[in-house]
Amino acid sequence: MNNLPRERDLTTQIEADMAGSGRTGMTPPEGTIGPRRTRRSRRDGISGAAVAPTRKAEARERQRHRLQRREGVIPASEAGNLKQRRAPEASRSALDAAARKADHLVR
């Protein structure tokens, strides 16, 4: 609402924005919900790109890709493909079975 003075208090500002837009519920601008009393810093959370898979997950994925190649799958980004390519005999159930077998082999 443009005709009201800007509030310094975040809660009052949120309530004024909600009243002006007709909304009844809102997530705070910093994305936190709950009893947190201070703003969250960007350093509080770890972005997804900063987290690497475990060694076990890497080994499992290598094994799964190896088994799926036997079924006739060419993974994305290999041989210039933007998407995964499958041979006609590479059914979804065969690929799921390869994933289960990779889980079993990598323990």
PDB file of N, CA and C in Angstrom:
ATOM      1  N   MET A   1       0.848  -1.162   0.000  1.00  0.00           N
ATOM      2  CA  MET A   1       0.000   0.000   0.000  1.00  0.00           C
ATOM      3  C   MET A   1       0.899   1.231   0.000  1.00  0.00           C
ATOM      4  N   ASN A   2       0.771   2.017  -1.004  1.00  0.00           N
ATOM      5  CA  ASN A   2       1.680   3.125  -1.215  1.00  0.00           C
ATOM      6  C   ASN A   2       1.429   4.324  -0.313  1.00  0.00           C
ATOM      7  N   ASN A   3       0.228   4.493   0.212  1.00  0.00           N
ATOM      8  CA  ASN A   3      -0.057   5.686   0.996  1.00  0.00           C
ATOM      9  C   ASN A   3       0.285   5.541   2.476  1.00  0.00           C
ATOM     10  N   LEU A   4       0.806   4.391   2.891  1.00  0.00           N
ATOM     11  CA  LEU A   4       1.204   4.190   4.282  1.00  0.00           C
ATOM     12  C   LEU A   4       2.706   4.387   4.414  1.00  0.00           C
ATOM     13  N   PRO A   5       3.147   4.905   5.563  1.00  0.00           N
ATOM     14  CA  PRO A   5       4.602   5.034   5.760  1.00  0.00           C
ATOM     15  C   PRO A   5       5.236   3.653   5.857  1.00  0.00           C
ATOM     16  N   ARG A   6       6.456   3.534   5.385  1.00  0.00           N
ATOM     17  CA  ARG A   6       7.174   2.257   5.449  1.00  0.00           C
ATOM     18  C   ARG A   6       7.545   1.968   6.903  1.00  0.00           C
ATOM     19  N   GLU A   7       7.243   0.791   7.335  1.00  0.00           N
ATOM     20  CA  GLU A   7       7.537   0.388   8.702  1.00  0.00           C
ATOM     21  C   GLU A   7       8.941  -0.206   8.782  1.00  0.00           C
ATOM     22  N   ARG A   8       9.595   0.033   9.872  1.00  0.00           N
ATOM     23  CA  ARG A   8      10.918  -0.556  10.067  1.00  0.00           C
ATOM     24  C   ARG A   8      10.813  -1.976  10.612  1.00  0.00           C
ATOM     25  N   ASP A   9       9.708  -2.252  11.252  1.00  0.00           N
ATOM     26  CA  ASP A   9       9.492  -3.579  11.823  1.00  0.00           C
ATOM     27  C   ASP A   9       9.050  -4.527  10.705  1.00  0.00           C
ATOM     28  N   LEU A  10       9.754  -5.640  10.542  1.00  0.00           N
ATOM     29  CA  LEU A  10       9.474  -6.583   9.460  1.00  0.00           C
ATOM     30  C   LEU A  10       8.065  -7.164   9.572  1.00  0.00           C
ATOM     31  N   THR A  11       7.631  -7.494  10.787  1.00  0.00           N
ATOM     32  CA  THR A  11       6.303  -8.079  10.970  1.00  0.00           C
ATOM     33  C   THR A  11       5.214  -7.102  10.539  1.00  0.00           C
ATOM     34  N   THR A  12       5.347  -5.852  10.936  1.00  0.00           N
ATOM     35  CA  THR A  12       4.352  -4.845  10.562  1.00  0.00           C
ATOM     36  C   THR A  12       4.358  -4.621   9.057  1.00  0.00           C
ATOM     37  N   GLN A  13       5.530  -4.623   8.455  1.00  0.00           N
ATOM     38  CA  GLN A  13       5.637  -4.453   7.007  1.00  0.00           C
ATOM     39  C   GLN A  13       4.956  -5.614   6.271  1.00  0.00           C
ATOM     40  N   ILE A  14       5.159  -6.832   6.759  1.00  0.00           N
ATOM     41  CA  ILE A  14       4.532  -8.003   6.148  1.00  0.00           C
ATOM     42  C   ILE A  14       3.012  -7.918   6.278  1.00  0.00           C
ATOM     43  N   GLU A  15       2.534  -7.534   7.467  1.00  0.00           N
ATOM     44  CA  GLU A  15       1.087  -7.408   7.671  1.00  0.00           C
ATOM     45  C   GLU A  15       0.491  -6.340   6.755  1.00  0.00           C
ATOM     46  N   ALA A  16       1.195  -5.218   6.568  1.00  0.00           N
ATOM     47  CA  ALA A  16       0.704  -4.158   5.690  1.00  0.00           C
ATOM     48  C   ALA A  16       0.674  -4.644   4.238  1.00  0.00           C
ATOM     49  N   ASP A  17       1.704  -5.372   3.821  1.00  0.00           N
ATOM     50  CA  ASP A  17       1.735  -5.919   2.460  1.00  0.00           C
ATOM     51  C   ASP A  17       0.601  -6.913   2.239  1.00  0.00           C
ATOM     52  N   MET A  18       0.335  -7.743   3.241  1.00  0.00           N
ATOM     53  CA  MET A  18      -0.743  -8.724   3.125  1.00  0.00           C
ATOM     54  C   MET A  18      -2.090  -8.028   3.040  1.00  0.00           C
ATOM     55  N   ALA A  19      -2.298  -7.020   3.863  1.00  0.00           N
ATOM     56  CA  ALA A  19      -3.572  -6.299   3.854  1.00  0.00           C
ATOM     57  C   ALA A  19      -3.775  -5.582   2.520  1.00  0.00           C
ATOM     58  N   GLY A  20      -2.715  -5.056   1.982  1.00  0.00           N
ATOM     59  CA  GLY A  20      -2.809  -4.335   0.722  1.00  0.00           C
ATOM     60  C   GLY A  20      -3.075  -5.223  -0.471  1.00  0.00           C
ATOM     61  N   SER A  21      -2.632  -6.459  -0.397  1.00  0.00           N
ATOM     62  CA  SER A  21      -2.799  -7.358  -1.537  1.00  0.00           C
ATOM     63  C   SER A  21      -3.988  -8.306  -1.389  1.00  0.00           C
ATOM     64  N   GLY A  22      -4.608  -8.326  -0.215  1.00  0.00           N
ATOM     65  CA  GLY A  22      -5.762  -9.189  -0.005  1.00  0.00           C
ATOM     66  C   GLY A  22      -5.396 -10.609   0.402  1.00  0.00           C
ATOM     67  N   ARG A  23      -4.124 -10.853   0.663  1.00  0.00           N
ATOM     68  CA  ARG A  23      -3.713 -12.198   1.085  1.00  0.00           C
ATOM     69  C   ARG A  23      -3.925 -12.380   2.572  1.00  0.00           C
ATOM     70  N   THR A  24      -4.090 -13.638   2.966  1.00  0.00           N
ATOM     71  CA  THR A  24      -4.280 -13.929   4.388  1.00  0.00           C
ATOM     72  C   THR A  24      -3.099 -14.657   4.996  1.00  0.00           C
ATOM     73  N   GLY A  25      -2.202 -15.168   4.200  1.00  0.00           N
ATOM     74  CA  GLY A  25      -1.033 -15.862   4.710  1.00  0.00           C
ATOM     75  C   GLY A  25       0.159 -15.568   3.830  1.00  0.00           C
ATOM     76  N   MET A  26       1.337 -15.583   4.417  1.00  0.00           N
ATOM     77  CA  MET A  26       2.518 -15.235   3.630  1.00  0.00           C
ATOM     78  C   MET A  26       3.757 -15.817   4.270  1.00  0.00           C
ATOM     79  N   THR A  27       4.726 -16.162   3.452  1.00  0.00           N
ATOM     80  CA  THR A  27       6.030 -16.585   3.934  1.00  0.00           C
ATOM     81  C   THR A  27       6.914 -15.349   4.026  1.00  0.00           C
ATOM     82  N   PRO A  28       7.667 -15.189   5.098  1.00  0.00           N
ATOM     83  CA  PRO A  28       8.539 -14.025   5.206  1.00  0.00           C
ATOM     84  C   PRO A  28       9.515 -13.933   4.032  1.00  0.00           C
ATOM     85  N   PRO A  29       9.997 -12.741   3.702  1.00  0.00           N
ATOM     86  CA  PRO A  29      10.879 -12.560   2.554  1.00  0.00           C
ATOM     87  C   PRO A  29      12.127 -13.442   2.583  1.00  0.00           C
ATOM     88  N   GLU A  30      12.637 -13.733   3.765  1.00  0.00           N
ATOM     89  CA  GLU A  30      13.839 -14.566   3.819  1.00  0.00           C
ATOM     90  C   GLU A  30      13.525 -16.052   3.779  1.00  0.00           C
ATOM     91  N   GLY A  31      12.280 -16.409   3.673  1.00  0.00           N
ATOM     92  CA  GLY A  31      11.904 -17.798   3.464  1.00  0.00           C
ATOM     93  C   GLY A  31      11.866 -18.657   4.706  1.00  0.00           C
ATOM     94  N   THR A  32      11.904 -18.069   5.889  1.00  0.00           N
ATOM     95  CA  THR A  32      11.876 -18.871   7.108  1.00  0.00           C
ATOM     96  C   THR A  32      10.471 -18.873   7.691  1.00  0.00           C
ATOM     97  N   ILE A  33      10.096 -19.978   8.252  1.00  0.00           N
ATOM     98  CA  ILE A  33       8.803 -20.105   8.917  1.00  0.00           C
ATOM     99  C   ILE A  33       9.073 -20.712  10.282  1.00  0.00           C
ATOM    100  N   GLY A  34       8.481 -20.178  11.310  1.00  0.00           N
ATOM    101  CA  GLY A  34       8.657 -20.741  12.632  1.00  0.00           C
ATOM    102  C   GLY A  34       9.232 -19.734  13.612  1.00  0.00           C
ATOM    103  N   PRO A  35       9.794 -20.212  14.720  1.00  0.00           N
ATOM    104  CA  PRO A  35      10.193 -19.328  15.810  1.00  0.00           C
ATOM    105  C   PRO A  35      11.496 -18.577  15.602  1.00  0.00           C
ATOM    106  N   ARG A  36      12.093 -18.641  14.442  1.00  0.00           N
ATOM    107  CA  ARG A  36      13.358 -17.942  14.209  1.00  0.00           C
ATOM    108  C   ARG A  36      13.142 -16.437  14.343  1.00  0.00           C
ATOM    109  N   ARG A  37      13.956 -15.800  15.164  1.00  0.00           N
ATOM    110  CA  ARG A  37      13.764 -14.373  15.444  1.00  0.00           C
ATOM    111  C   ARG A  37      14.690 -13.465  14.631  1.00  0.00           C
ATOM    112  N   THR A  38      15.686 -14.030  14.012  1.00  0.00           N
ATOM    113  CA  THR A  38      16.617 -13.220  13.235  1.00  0.00           C
ATOM    114  C   THR A  38      16.558 -13.637  11.782  1.00  0.00           C
ATOM    115  N   ARG A  39      17.020 -12.759  10.919  1.00  0.00           N
ATOM    116  CA  ARG A  39      17.058 -13.091   9.499  1.00  0.00           C
ATOM    117  C   ARG A  39      18.106 -14.148   9.242  1.00  0.00           C
ATOM    118  N   ARG A  40      17.857 -14.947   8.247  1.00  0.00           N
ATOM    119  CA  ARG A  40      18.778 -16.012   7.882  1.00  0.00           C
ATOM    120  C   ARG A  40      19.836 -15.456   6.943  1.00  0.00           C
ATOM    121  N   SER A  41      21.053 -15.841   7.167  1.00  0.00           N
ATOM    122  CA  SER A  41      22.155 -15.439   6.292  1.00  0.00           C
ATOM    123  C   SER A  41      22.250 -16.410   5.128  1.00  0.00           C
ATOM    124  N   ARG A  42      22.791 -15.974   4.026  1.00  0.00           N
ATOM    125  CA  ARG A  42      22.984 -16.866   2.883  1.00  0.00           C
ATOM    126  C   ARG A  42      23.962 -17.991   3.236  1.00  0.00           C
ATOM    127  N   ARG A  43      24.787 -17.768   4.231  1.00  0.00           N
ATOM    128  CA  ARG A  43      25.760 -18.783   4.616  1.00  0.00           C
ATOM    129  C   ARG A  43      25.182 -19.833   5.557  1.00  0.00           C
ATOM    130  N   ASP A  44      23.941 -19.638   6.027  1.00  0.00           N
ATOM    131  CA  ASP A  44      23.326 -20.610   6.938  1.00  0.00           C
ATOM    132  C   ASP A  44      23.078 -21.948   6.256  1.00  0.00           C
ATOM    133  N   GLY A  45      22.641 -21.909   5.023  1.00  0.00           N
ATOM    134  CA  GLY A  45      22.330 -23.135   4.296  1.00  0.00           C
ATOM    135  C   GLY A  45      23.431 -23.451   3.296  1.00  0.00           C
ATOM    136  N   ILE A  46      23.484 -24.677   2.863  1.00  0.00           N
ATOM    137  CA  ILE A  46      24.464 -25.090   1.867  1.00  0.00           C
ATOM    138  C   ILE A  46      23.721 -25.275   0.559  1.00  0.00           C
ATOM    139  N   SER A  47      24.183 -24.626  -0.466  1.00  0.00           N
ATOM    140  CA  SER A  47      23.508 -24.767  -1.756  1.00  0.00           C
ATOM    141  C   SER A  47      23.737 -26.171  -2.302  1.00  0.00           C
ATOM    142  N   GLY A  48      22.846 -26.624  -3.166  1.00  0.00           N
ATOM    143  CA  GLY A  48      22.934 -27.976  -3.708  1.00  0.00           C
ATOM    144  C   GLY A  48      24.211 -28.240  -4.464  1.00  0.00           C
ATOM    145  N   ALA A  49      24.755 -27.237  -5.133  1.00  0.00           N
ATOM    146  CA  ALA A  49      25.963 -27.437  -5.915  1.00  0.00           C
ATOM    147  C   ALA A  49      27.189 -27.646  -5.023  1.00  0.00           C
ATOM    148  N   ALA A  50      27.108 -27.207  -3.778  1.00  0.00           N
ATOM    149  CA  ALA A  50      28.248 -27.334  -2.884  1.00  0.00           C
ATOM    150  C   ALA A  50      28.326 -28.719  -2.245  1.00  0.00           C
ATOM    151  N   VAL A  51      27.271 -29.501  -2.365  1.00  0.00           N
ATOM    152  CA  VAL A  51      27.229 -30.815  -1.739  1.00  0.00           C
ATOM    153  C   VAL A  51      27.533 -31.881  -2.791  1.00  0.00           C
ATOM    154  N   ALA A  52      28.548 -32.677  -2.538  1.00  0.00           N
ATOM    155  CA  ALA A  52      28.940 -33.717  -3.489  1.00  0.00           C
ATOM    156  C   ALA A  52      28.333 -35.056  -3.081  1.00  0.00           C
ATOM    157  N   PRO A  53      28.109 -35.951  -4.054  1.00  0.00           N
ATOM    158  CA  PRO A  53      27.604 -37.277  -3.696  1.00  0.00           C
ATOM    159  C   PRO A  53      28.678 -38.073  -2.951  1.00  0.00           C
ATOM    160  N   THR A  54      28.231 -39.046  -2.213  1.00  0.00           N
ATOM    161  CA  THR A  54      29.176 -39.878  -1.476  1.00  0.00           C
ATOM    162  C   THR A  54      29.917 -40.806  -2.438  1.00  0.00           C
ATOM    163  N   ARG A  55      30.994 -41.382  -1.980  1.00  0.00           N
ATOM    164  CA  ARG A  55      31.763 -42.331  -2.802  1.00  0.00           C
ATOM    165  C   ARG A  55      30.888 -43.526  -3.184  1.00  0.00           C
ATOM    166  N   LYS A  56      30.063 -43.965  -2.232  1.00  0.00           N
ATOM    167  CA  LYS A  56      29.175 -45.095  -2.504  1.00  0.00           C
ATOM    168  C   LYS A  56      28.172 -44.746  -3.601  1.00  0.00           C
ATOM    169  N   ALA A  57      27.640 -43.518  -3.565  1.00  0.00           N
ATOM    170  CA  ALA A  57      26.682 -43.091  -4.595  1.00  0.00           C
ATOM    171  C   ALA A  57      27.358 -43.006  -5.959  1.00  0.00           C
ATOM    172  N   GLU A  58      28.600 -42.522  -5.988  1.00  0.00           N
ATOM    173  CA  GLU A  58      29.333 -42.463  -7.258  1.00  0.00           C
ATOM    174  C   GLU A  58      29.549 -43.863  -7.824  1.00  0.00           C
ATOM    175  N   ALA A  59      29.945 -44.788  -6.961  1.00  0.00           N
ATOM    176  CA  ALA A  59      30.176 -46.166  -7.407  1.00  0.00           C
ATOM    177  C   ALA A  59      28.877 -46.806  -7.902  1.00  0.00           C
ATOM    178  N   ARG A  60      27.785 -46.534  -7.195  1.00  0.00           N
ATOM    179  CA  ARG A  60      26.495 -47.084  -7.598  1.00  0.00           C
ATOM    180  C   ARG A  60      26.062 -46.541  -8.954  1.00  0.00           C
ATOM    181  N   GLU A  61      26.242 -45.251  -9.178  1.00  0.00           N
ATOM    182  CA  GLU A  61      25.855 -44.652 -10.457  1.00  0.00           C
ATOM    183  C   GLU A  61      26.714 -45.186 -11.606  1.00  0.00           C
ATOM    184  N   ARG A  62      28.009 -45.352 -11.361  1.00  0.00           N
ATOM    185  CA  ARG A  62      28.877 -45.937 -12.398  1.00  0.00           C
ATOM    186  C   ARG A  62      28.409 -47.339 -12.755  1.00  0.00           C
ATOM    187  N   GLN A  63      28.106 -48.126 -11.736  1.00  0.00           N
ATOM    188  CA  GLN A  63      27.635 -49.494 -11.958  1.00  0.00           C
ATOM    189  C   GLN A  63      26.294 -49.506 -12.692  1.00  0.00           C
ATOM    190  N   ARG A  64      25.381 -48.615 -12.281  1.00  0.00           N
ATOM    191  CA  ARG A  64      24.063 -48.538 -12.921  1.00  0.00           C
ATOM    192  C   ARG A  64      24.198 -48.143 -14.390  1.00  0.00           C
ATOM    193  N   HIS A  65      25.037 -47.169 -14.678  1.00  0.00           N
ATOM    194  CA  HIS A  65      25.242 -46.761 -16.075  1.00  0.00           C
ATOM    195  C   HIS A  65      25.849 -47.887 -16.905  1.00  0.00           C
ATOM    196  N   ARG A  66      26.791 -48.615 -16.308  1.00  0.00           N
ATOM    197  CA  ARG A  66      27.403 -49.743 -17.023  1.00  0.00           C
ATOM    198  C   ARG A  66      26.356 -50.798 -17.361  1.00  0.00           C
ATOM    199  N   LEU A  67      25.492 -51.120 -16.390  1.00  0.00           N
ATOM    200  CA  LEU A  67      24.443 -52.115 -16.617  1.00  0.00           C
ATOM    201  C   LEU A  67      23.400 -51.617 -17.621  1.00  0.00           C
ATOM    202  N   GLN A  68      23.075 -50.348 -17.567  1.00  0.00           N
ATOM    203  CA  GLN A  68      22.080 -49.803 -18.490  1.00  0.00           C
ATOM    204  C   GLN A  68      22.628 -49.705 -19.916  1.00  0.00           C
ATOM    205  N   ARG A  69      23.926 -49.486 -20.058  1.00  0.00           N
ATOM    206  CA  ARG A  69      24.517 -49.491 -21.408  1.00  0.00           C
ATOM    207  C   ARG A  69      24.370 -50.860 -22.058  1.00  0.00           C
ATOM    208  N   ARG A  70      24.469 -51.904 -21.240  1.00  0.00           N
ATOM    209  CA  ARG A  70      24.269 -53.260 -21.772  1.00  0.00           C
ATOM    210  C   ARG A  70      22.848 -53.441 -22.304  1.00  0.00           C
ATOM    211  N   GLU A  71      21.891 -52.720 -21.712  1.00  0.00           N
ATOM    212  CA  GLU A  71      20.496 -52.803 -22.140  1.00  0.00           C
ATOM    213  C   GLU A  71      20.233 -51.965 -23.386  1.00  0.00           C
ATOM    214  N   GLY A  72      21.195 -51.133 -23.779  1.00  0.00           N
ATOM    215  CA  GLY A  72      21.028 -50.319 -24.979  1.00  0.00           C
ATOM    216  C   GLY A  72      20.719 -48.858 -24.718  1.00  0.00           C
ATOM    217  N   VAL A  73      21.155 -48.352 -23.584  1.00  0.00           N
ATOM    218  CA  VAL A  73      20.918 -46.957 -23.239  1.00  0.00           C
ATOM    219  C   VAL A  73      22.175 -46.147 -23.508  1.00  0.00           C
ATOM    220  N   ILE A  74      22.002 -45.007 -24.165  1.00  0.00           N
ATOM    221  CA  ILE A  74      23.103 -44.058 -24.345  1.00  0.00           C
ATOM    222  C   ILE A  74      22.766 -42.859 -23.467  1.00  0.00           C
ATOM    223  N   PRO A  75      23.554 -42.597 -22.427  1.00  0.00           N
ATOM    224  CA  PRO A  75      23.232 -41.517 -21.493  1.00  0.00           C
ATOM    225  C   PRO A  75      23.268 -40.141 -22.157  1.00  0.00           C
ATOM    226  N   ALA A  76      22.575 -39.200 -21.541  1.00  0.00           N
ATOM    227  CA  ALA A  76      22.622 -37.813 -22.001  1.00  0.00           C
ATOM    228  C   ALA A  76      24.047 -37.296 -21.847  1.00  0.00           C
ATOM    229  N   SER A  77      24.418 -36.362 -22.661  1.00  0.00           N
ATOM    230  CA  SER A  77      25.731 -35.717 -22.712  1.00  0.00           C
ATOM    231  C   SER A  77      26.827 -36.648 -23.227  1.00  0.00           C
ATOM    232  N   GLU A  78      26.473 -37.835 -23.635  1.00  0.00           N
ATOM    233  CA  GLU A  78      27.447 -38.730 -24.239  1.00  0.00           C
ATOM    234  C   GLU A  78      27.173 -38.769 -25.738  1.00  0.00           C
ATOM    235  N   ALA A  79      28.187 -38.674 -26.524  1.00  0.00           N
ATOM    236  CA  ALA A  79      28.074 -38.676 -27.988  1.00  0.00           C
ATOM    237  C   ALA A  79      27.221 -37.506 -28.482  1.00  0.00           C
ATOM    238  N   GLY A  80      27.253 -36.384 -27.760  1.00  0.00           N
ATOM    239  CA  GLY A  80      26.547 -35.191 -28.175  1.00  0.00           C
ATOM    240  C   GLY A  80      25.052 -35.214 -27.951  1.00  0.00           C
ATOM    241  N   ASN A  81      24.537 -36.169 -27.181  1.00  0.00           N
ATOM    242  CA  ASN A  81      23.098 -36.260 -26.913  1.00  0.00           C
ATOM    243  C   ASN A  81      22.682 -35.264 -25.838  1.00  0.00           C
ATOM    244  N   LEU A  82      21.575 -34.587 -26.057  1.00  0.00           N
ATOM    245  CA  LEU A  82      21.022 -33.725 -25.028  1.00  0.00           C
ATOM    246  C   LEU A  82      20.120 -34.511 -24.090  1.00  0.00           C
ATOM    247  N   LYS A  83      19.553 -35.602 -24.582  1.00  0.00           N
ATOM    248  CA  LYS A  83      18.687 -36.459 -23.778  1.00  0.00           C
ATOM    249  C   LYS A  83      19.164 -37.900 -23.888  1.00  0.00           C
ATOM    250  N   GLN A  84      18.732 -38.690 -22.923  1.00  0.00           N
ATOM    251  CA  GLN A  84      19.057 -40.116 -22.929  1.00  0.00           C
ATOM    252  C   GLN A  84      18.408 -40.782 -24.142  1.00  0.00           C
ATOM    253  N   ARG A  85      19.123 -41.699 -24.771  1.00  0.00           N
ATOM    254  CA  ARG A  85      18.558 -42.471 -25.885  1.00  0.00           C
ATOM    255  C   ARG A  85      18.493 -43.931 -25.483  1.00  0.00           C
ATOM    256  N   ARG A  86      17.410 -44.587 -25.881  1.00  0.00           N
ATOM    257  CA  ARG A  86      17.220 -45.993 -25.540  1.00  0.00           C
ATOM    258  C   ARG A  86      16.981 -46.806 -26.793  1.00  0.00           C
ATOM    259  N   ALA A  87      17.534 -48.002 -26.776  1.00  0.00           N
ATOM    260  CA  ALA A  87      17.221 -48.966 -27.829  1.00  0.00           C
ATOM    261  C   ALA A  87      15.802 -49.477 -27.573  1.00  0.00           C
ATOM    262  N   PRO A  88      15.128 -49.990 -28.599  1.00  0.00           N
ATOM    263  CA  PRO A  88      13.748 -50.476 -28.411  1.00  0.00           C
ATOM    264  C   PRO A  88      13.618 -51.544 -27.319  1.00  0.00           C
ATOM    265  N   GLU A  89      14.640 -52.371 -27.153  1.00  0.00           N
ATOM    266  CA  GLU A  89      14.553 -53.428 -26.144  1.00  0.00           C
ATOM    267  C   GLU A  89      14.836 -52.935 -24.722  1.00  0.00           C
ATOM    268  N   ALA A  90      15.252 -51.689 -24.574  1.00  0.00           N
ATOM    269  CA  ALA A  90      15.546 -51.129 -23.246  1.00  0.00           C
ATOM    270  C   ALA A  90      14.250 -50.608 -22.628  1.00  0.00           C
ATOM    271  N   SER A  91      13.528 -51.492 -21.971  1.00  0.00           N
ATOM    272  CA  SER A  91      12.254 -51.107 -21.360  1.00  0.00           C
ATOM    273  C   SER A  91      12.493 -50.466 -20.001  1.00  0.00           C
ATOM    274  N   ARG A  92      11.480 -49.798 -19.494  1.00  0.00           N
ATOM    275  CA  ARG A  92      11.577 -49.170 -18.182  1.00  0.00           C
ATOM    276  C   ARG A  92      11.838 -50.210 -17.101  1.00  0.00           C
ATOM    277  N   SER A  93      11.195 -51.358 -17.217  1.00  0.00           N
ATOM    278  CA  SER A  93      11.392 -52.400 -16.204  1.00  0.00           C
ATOM    279  C   SER A  93      12.818 -52.949 -16.236  1.00  0.00           C
ATOM    280  N   ALA A  94      13.414 -53.044 -17.443  1.00  0.00           N
ATOM    281  CA  ALA A  94      14.801 -53.511 -17.546  1.00  0.00           C
ATOM    282  C   ALA A  94      15.755 -52.501 -16.913  1.00  0.00           C
ATOM    283  N   LEU A  95      15.484 -51.214 -17.089  1.00  0.00           N
ATOM    284  CA  LEU A  95      16.334 -50.184 -16.487  1.00  0.00           C
ATOM    285  C   LEU A  95      16.177 -50.150 -14.973  1.00  0.00           C
ATOM    286  N   ASP A  96      14.957 -50.355 -14.497  1.00  0.00           N
ATOM    287  CA  ASP A  96      14.731 -50.430 -13.050  1.00  0.00           C
ATOM    288  C   ASP A  96      15.447 -51.640 -12.454  1.00  0.00           C
ATOM    289  N   ALA A  97      15.433 -52.750 -13.178  1.00  0.00           N
ATOM    290  CA  ALA A  97      16.131 -53.952 -12.708  1.00  0.00           C
ATOM    291  C   ALA A  97      17.634 -53.700 -12.658  1.00  0.00           C
ATOM    292  N   ALA A  98      18.161 -52.973 -13.620  1.00  0.00           N
ATOM    293  CA  ALA A  98      19.595 -52.638 -13.616  1.00  0.00           C
ATOM    294  C   ALA A  98      19.937 -51.763 -12.408  1.00  0.00           C
ATOM    295  N   ALA A  99      19.053 -50.836 -12.068  1.00  0.00           N
ATOM    296  CA  ALA A  99      19.282 -49.984 -10.895  1.00  0.00           C
ATOM    297  C   ALA A  99      19.258 -50.805  -9.612  1.00  0.00           C
ATOM    298  N   ARG A 100      18.305 -51.760  -9.515  1.00  0.00           N
ATOM    299  CA  ARG A 100      18.263 -52.631  -8.332  1.00  0.00           C
ATOM    300  C   ARG A 100      19.505 -53.494  -8.237  1.00  0.00           C
ATOM    301  N   LYS A 101      19.975 -53.999  -9.382  1.00  0.00           N
ATOM    302  CA  LYS A 101      21.174 -54.837  -9.385  1.00  0.00           C
ATOM    303  C   LYS A 101      22.387 -54.013  -8.971  1.00  0.00           C
ATOM    304  N   ALA A 102      22.464 -52.757  -9.416  1.00  0.00           N
ATOM    305  CA  ALA A 102      23.572 -51.883  -9.006  1.00  0.00           C
ATOM    306  C   ALA A 102      23.531 -51.638  -7.504  1.00  0.00           C
ATOM    307  N   ASP A 103      22.328 -51.452  -6.940  1.00  0.00           N
ATOM    308  CA  ASP A 103      22.186 -51.283  -5.498  1.00  0.00           C
ATOM    309  C   ASP A 103      22.712 -52.517  -4.761  1.00  0.00           C
ATOM    310  N   HIS A 104      22.391 -53.686  -5.302  1.00  0.00           N
ATOM    311  CA  HIS A 104      22.798 -54.935  -4.662  1.00  0.00           C
ATOM    312  C   HIS A 104      24.322 -55.136  -4.751  1.00  0.00           C
ATOM    313  N   LEU A 105      24.897 -54.784  -5.907  1.00  0.00           N
ATOM    314  CA  LEU A 105      26.336 -55.005  -6.116  1.00  0.00           C
ATOM    315  C   LEU A 105      27.209 -54.037  -5.316  1.00  0.00           C
ATOM    316  N   VAL A 106      26.738 -52.823  -5.120  1.00  0.00           N
ATOM    317  CA  VAL A 106      27.523 -51.822  -4.390  1.00  0.00           C
ATOM    318  C   VAL A 106      26.994 -51.746  -2.962  1.00  0.00           C
ATOM    319  N   ARG A 107      27.686 -52.328  -2.059  1.00  0.00           N
ATOM    320  CA  ARG A 107      27.277 -52.342  -0.641  1.00  0.00           C
ATOM    321  C   ARG A 107      28.318 -51.741   0.236  1.00  0.00           C
TER     322      ARG A 107
END
